Each structure stands twice: as structure tokens, then as C-alpha cells.
């Protein structure tokens, strides 16, 4: 087979494989509370948010294309590893191991150069060391909080989550966007006041 067609065939197989992300459901409810959100919808939402909210990143010098790549690629590993609920301590115990194994399998489907590129993008997001990764992570934390807030705390209430858990889980948002973190804290305070989120445990 022609070398270009061989390369294209590998890329198409990856495209087919990542369609499975549409079947990975999160605990987050859609904002109309009609059903749970899937990972593909989550990633799309983050990509639009990245474009829209880039001005609120901690640094105005971020590489927006790098952020977009991260938010679109970061959850692909959940095709194999599944979505781990943010407050599931038991599930978090082997999350990194499951996701590393998933990355090994999924990215190897690509031509070698793209496999290395995608793996590096995923690892940059996970490390949270660059300005771009910190902003991408801030969006990743903010989006489900917004869904919870707009659904009267539905997932929070279903899982018995308290305000101090939400704040502790998401305080790293400030690394990528102090403005988003300020807004998120206001949402938490308002959700507690409205009875949509349990107050901090004394």
C-alpha cells in the first residue's frame, strides 16, 4: 500500500476508535438535567470555553492552540479507563495506572510521530506545569461546577458532596485563572445559601 495511504489508514482507525468517547458518561448532568453528559460533549464544551474565556487566563500570553489540543485530547484515555468521579477516593487510587495503560494503547494506534505528539499533549495536561495546562485544567474543573450550579446542585446532592469538598477539590483552578476561581467560589456560596450544596462539615 502507498505510504501515505498506510498513514491515513492508521489515522482513520484512530478516528473510529475515539468515537467511543461519545459512550463514556460522566456524573455531570446536562444543564437541563435531562441526562448525564458524555465525555465528547464535555471536551467540546471545554474547547469553546477556552476560546471564549482565554482573556481570563492567569497569563495573557498563553498559546490558545495548545490549550485547545489539551482539552480535546485529555479525556481520550477514558475510552479504556472510564470516567472517575471527582470525589471517588477509591476510584482515584488506581486512576493514574488505568489512564497510563489506556494512553499506551490508544496513542499507539497513531503513526509514530502523532502518537508521540498526542502522548506529550496528554502528559502536559496531567502535569499541570505550563500556563496552558493550568488554564486547561481550570476550565476542566470549572465546567462541571457550572453544570452543578445550574442544575440546583443535582450531582452534588446525589452524592452527598459538601461545600468544603468542592472548594478543596477545585482550588487549583486559581493557578490557571484567578478570575474563574473567584466566580466559582461565588457559585459555591450561592449554592449553599440556596440549599443546593451542603455547608462545610463543622
Protein backbone atom coordinates (compact mmCIF):
# COMPACT_ATOMS: atom_id res chain seq x y z
CA UNK A 1 0.00 0.00 0.00
CA UNK A 2 1.14 3.56 -0.70
CA UNK A 3 2.92 5.06 2.34
CA UNK A 4 0.51 8.00 2.53
CA UNK A 5 -2.47 5.66 2.40
CA UNK A 6 -0.96 3.48 5.13
CA UNK A 7 -0.55 6.55 7.31
CA UNK A 8 -4.08 7.71 6.53
CA UNK A 9 -5.48 4.27 7.35
CA UNK A 10 -3.86 4.44 10.81
CA UNK A 11 -5.29 7.91 11.37
CA UNK A 12 -8.76 6.81 10.29
CA UNK A 13 -8.64 3.86 12.69
CA UNK A 14 -7.85 6.30 15.48
CA UNK A 15 -10.78 8.49 14.40
CA UNK A 16 -13.04 5.44 14.54
CA UNK A 17 -11.66 4.42 17.95
CA UNK A 18 -12.23 7.80 19.57
CA UNK A 19 -15.90 7.71 18.56
CA UNK A 20 -16.19 5.53 21.67
CA UNK A 21 -15.71 8.66 23.81
CA UNK A 22 -19.34 9.52 22.99
CA UNK A 23 -20.35 6.49 25.07
CA UNK A 24 -18.36 7.39 28.19
CA UNK A 25 -20.82 9.08 30.54
CA UNK A 26 -19.87 11.40 33.36
CA UNK A 27 -21.68 12.06 36.66
CA UNK A 28 -22.30 15.61 35.43
CA UNK A 29 -25.86 16.33 34.37
CA UNK A 30 -26.63 18.41 31.30
CA UNK A 31 -27.79 21.86 32.29
CA UNK A 32 -31.39 20.97 31.51
CA UNK A 33 -30.92 17.94 33.84
CA UNK A 34 -32.34 15.62 31.16
CA UNK A 35 -29.42 13.15 31.20
CA UNK A 36 -25.76 12.78 32.05
CA UNK A 37 -23.14 14.41 29.87
CA UNK A 38 -20.74 12.26 27.86
CA UNK A 39 -17.01 12.83 27.57
CA UNK A 40 -17.13 14.00 23.96
CA UNK A 41 -19.66 16.70 24.88
CA UNK A 42 -17.52 17.71 27.83
CA UNK A 43 -14.43 18.07 25.62
CA UNK A 44 -16.32 20.12 23.02
CA UNK A 45 -17.69 22.38 25.72
CA UNK A 46 -14.21 22.96 27.13
CA UNK A 47 -12.86 23.82 23.67
CA UNK A 48 -15.47 26.52 23.13
CA UNK A 49 -14.91 27.81 26.66
CA UNK A 50 -11.16 28.01 26.01
CA UNK A 51 -11.72 30.26 23.01
CA UNK A 52 -14.31 32.36 24.79
CA UNK A 53 -12.60 32.72 28.16
CA UNK A 54 -8.92 32.92 27.15
CA UNK A 55 -8.83 36.55 28.30
CA UNK A 56 -9.37 35.31 31.87
CA UNK A 57 -6.29 33.04 31.90
CA UNK A 58 -3.70 33.90 34.54
CA UNK A 59 -1.33 34.89 31.76
CA UNK A 60 -2.44 36.68 28.60
CA UNK A 61 0.49 35.04 26.81
CA UNK A 62 -0.97 31.53 26.66
CA UNK A 63 -0.85 29.52 23.45
CA UNK A 64 -4.56 29.02 22.77
CA UNK A 65 -3.99 26.27 20.20
CA UNK A 66 -2.04 24.29 22.82
CA UNK A 67 -4.94 24.70 25.26
CA UNK A 68 -7.43 23.55 22.63
CA UNK A 69 -5.37 20.44 21.89
CA UNK A 70 -5.23 19.61 25.58
CA UNK A 71 -8.94 19.97 26.28
CA UNK A 72 -9.82 17.89 23.23
CA UNK A 73 -7.29 15.12 23.91
CA UNK A 74 -7.10 14.93 27.72
CA UNK A 75 -10.09 12.63 28.23
CA UNK A 76 -9.46 10.21 25.34
CA UNK A 77 -7.87 7.81 27.83
CA UNK A 78 -11.28 7.41 29.45
CA UNK A 79 -12.32 5.26 26.48
CA UNK A 80 -10.45 2.47 28.30
CA UNK A 81 -10.09 3.84 31.84
CA UNK A 82 -13.65 5.14 32.23
CA UNK A 83 -14.59 8.39 33.94
CA UNK A 84 -13.55 8.56 37.58
CA UNK A 85 -15.93 10.66 39.66
CA UNK A 86 -14.11 13.67 41.09
CA UNK A 87 -14.94 12.71 44.70
CA UNK A 88 -14.44 8.93 44.37
CA UNK A 89 -11.42 8.26 46.58
CA UNK A 90 -11.43 4.53 45.89
CA UNK A 91 -11.55 5.07 42.14
CA UNK A 92 -8.79 7.66 42.37
CA UNK A 93 -6.42 5.12 43.89
CA UNK A 94 -5.66 3.38 40.59
CA UNK A 95 -6.81 6.15 38.23
CA UNK A 96 -3.29 7.07 37.11
CA UNK A 97 -2.40 3.43 36.42
CA UNK A 98 -5.58 2.84 34.40
CA UNK A 99 -5.08 6.02 32.39
CA UNK A 100 -1.40 5.30 31.67
CA UNK A 101 -2.35 1.89 30.28
CA UNK A 102 -5.09 3.49 28.21
CA UNK A 103 -2.68 6.08 26.82
CA UNK A 104 -0.24 3.32 25.91
CA UNK A 105 -2.88 1.50 23.86
CA UNK A 106 -4.77 4.40 22.29
CA UNK A 107 -1.94 6.62 21.17
CA UNK A 108 -0.04 3.67 19.68
CA UNK A 109 -2.84 3.38 17.12
CA UNK A 110 -1.48 6.56 15.50
CA UNK A 111 1.55 6.96 13.24
CA UNK A 112 4.66 7.23 15.45
CA UNK A 113 5.11 11.00 15.17
CA UNK A 114 1.48 11.73 16.03
CA UNK A 115 1.48 9.09 18.75
CA UNK A 116 4.36 10.92 20.41
CA UNK A 117 2.68 14.30 19.94
CA UNK A 118 -0.65 13.20 21.41
CA UNK A 119 1.05 11.46 24.33
CA UNK A 120 3.07 14.60 25.06
CA UNK A 121 -0.06 16.77 24.97
CA UNK A 122 -1.86 14.42 27.36
CA UNK A 123 1.13 14.30 29.71
CA UNK A 124 1.44 18.11 29.67
CA UNK A 125 -2.18 18.39 30.76
CA UNK A 126 -1.69 15.84 33.52
CA UNK A 127 1.47 17.54 34.83
CA UNK A 128 -0.24 20.97 35.17
CA UNK A 129 3.13 22.74 34.97
CA UNK A 130 2.73 25.01 31.94
CA UNK A 131 0.47 28.06 31.81
CA UNK A 132 -1.54 26.33 29.08
CA UNK A 133 -2.05 23.17 31.12
CA UNK A 134 -3.06 25.17 34.17
CA UNK A 135 -5.67 27.11 32.18
CA UNK A 136 -6.95 23.92 30.53
CA UNK A 137 -7.22 22.29 33.96
CA UNK A 138 -9.03 25.34 35.34
CA UNK A 139 -11.63 25.01 32.59
CA UNK A 140 -11.89 21.27 33.27
CA UNK A 141 -12.68 21.98 36.92
CA UNK A 142 -14.96 24.96 36.29
CA UNK A 143 -17.24 23.33 33.71
CA UNK A 144 -18.75 20.61 35.95
CA UNK A 145 -19.10 23.13 38.78
CA UNK A 146 -21.15 25.31 36.43
CA UNK A 147 -23.30 22.32 35.48
CA UNK A 148 -23.89 21.52 39.13
CA UNK A 149 -24.73 25.10 39.94
CA UNK A 150 -27.18 25.39 37.04
CA UNK A 151 -28.92 22.11 37.94
CA UNK A 152 -29.56 23.15 41.55
CA UNK A 153 -26.64 21.02 42.72
CA UNK A 154 -28.06 17.81 41.34
CA UNK A 155 -24.88 15.70 41.26
CA UNK A 156 -23.60 17.31 44.46
CA UNK A 157 -26.82 16.39 46.26
CA UNK A 158 -26.96 12.88 44.75
CA UNK A 159 -23.51 12.07 46.12
CA UNK A 160 -23.68 13.95 49.41
CA UNK A 161 -20.93 16.42 48.49
CA UNK A 162 -20.25 19.37 50.81
CA UNK A 163 -19.01 22.86 50.09
CA UNK A 164 -15.61 22.24 51.67
CA UNK A 165 -15.12 19.21 49.42
CA UNK A 166 -15.95 21.30 46.34
CA UNK A 167 -13.60 24.09 47.37
CA UNK A 168 -10.74 21.72 48.24
CA UNK A 169 -11.16 19.77 45.01
CA UNK A 170 -11.17 22.87 42.81
CA UNK A 171 -8.87 25.41 44.48
CA UNK A 172 -6.13 24.64 41.93
CA UNK A 173 -8.36 26.45 39.43
CA UNK A 174 -6.72 29.66 40.67
CA UNK A 175 -3.42 28.53 39.12
CA UNK A 176 -4.92 28.81 35.66
CA UNK A 177 -7.44 31.59 36.21
CA UNK A 178 -7.87 33.53 39.46
CA UNK A 179 -10.94 35.16 37.91
CA UNK A 180 -12.65 31.83 37.22
CA UNK A 181 -11.81 30.68 40.75
CA UNK A 182 -13.35 33.85 42.20
CA UNK A 183 -16.51 33.23 40.17
CA UNK A 184 -16.55 29.56 41.20
CA UNK A 185 -16.32 30.46 44.89
CA UNK A 186 -19.29 32.79 44.45
CA UNK A 187 -21.26 29.92 42.88
CA UNK A 188 -20.42 27.69 45.84
CA UNK A 189 -21.51 30.32 48.35
CA UNK A 190 -24.76 30.93 46.49
CA UNK A 191 -25.44 27.18 46.14
CA UNK A 192 -25.02 26.76 49.90
CA UNK A 193 -27.31 29.73 50.58
CA UNK A 194 -29.99 28.22 48.32
CA UNK A 195 -29.69 24.75 49.89
CA UNK A 196 -28.31 23.20 46.70
CA UNK A 197 -24.99 22.29 48.31
CA UNK A 198 -24.38 21.11 51.85
CA UNK A 199 -22.43 23.58 54.01
CA UNK A 200 -18.92 22.73 55.19
CA UNK A 201 -18.74 19.98 57.77
CA UNK A 202 -18.07 21.58 61.22
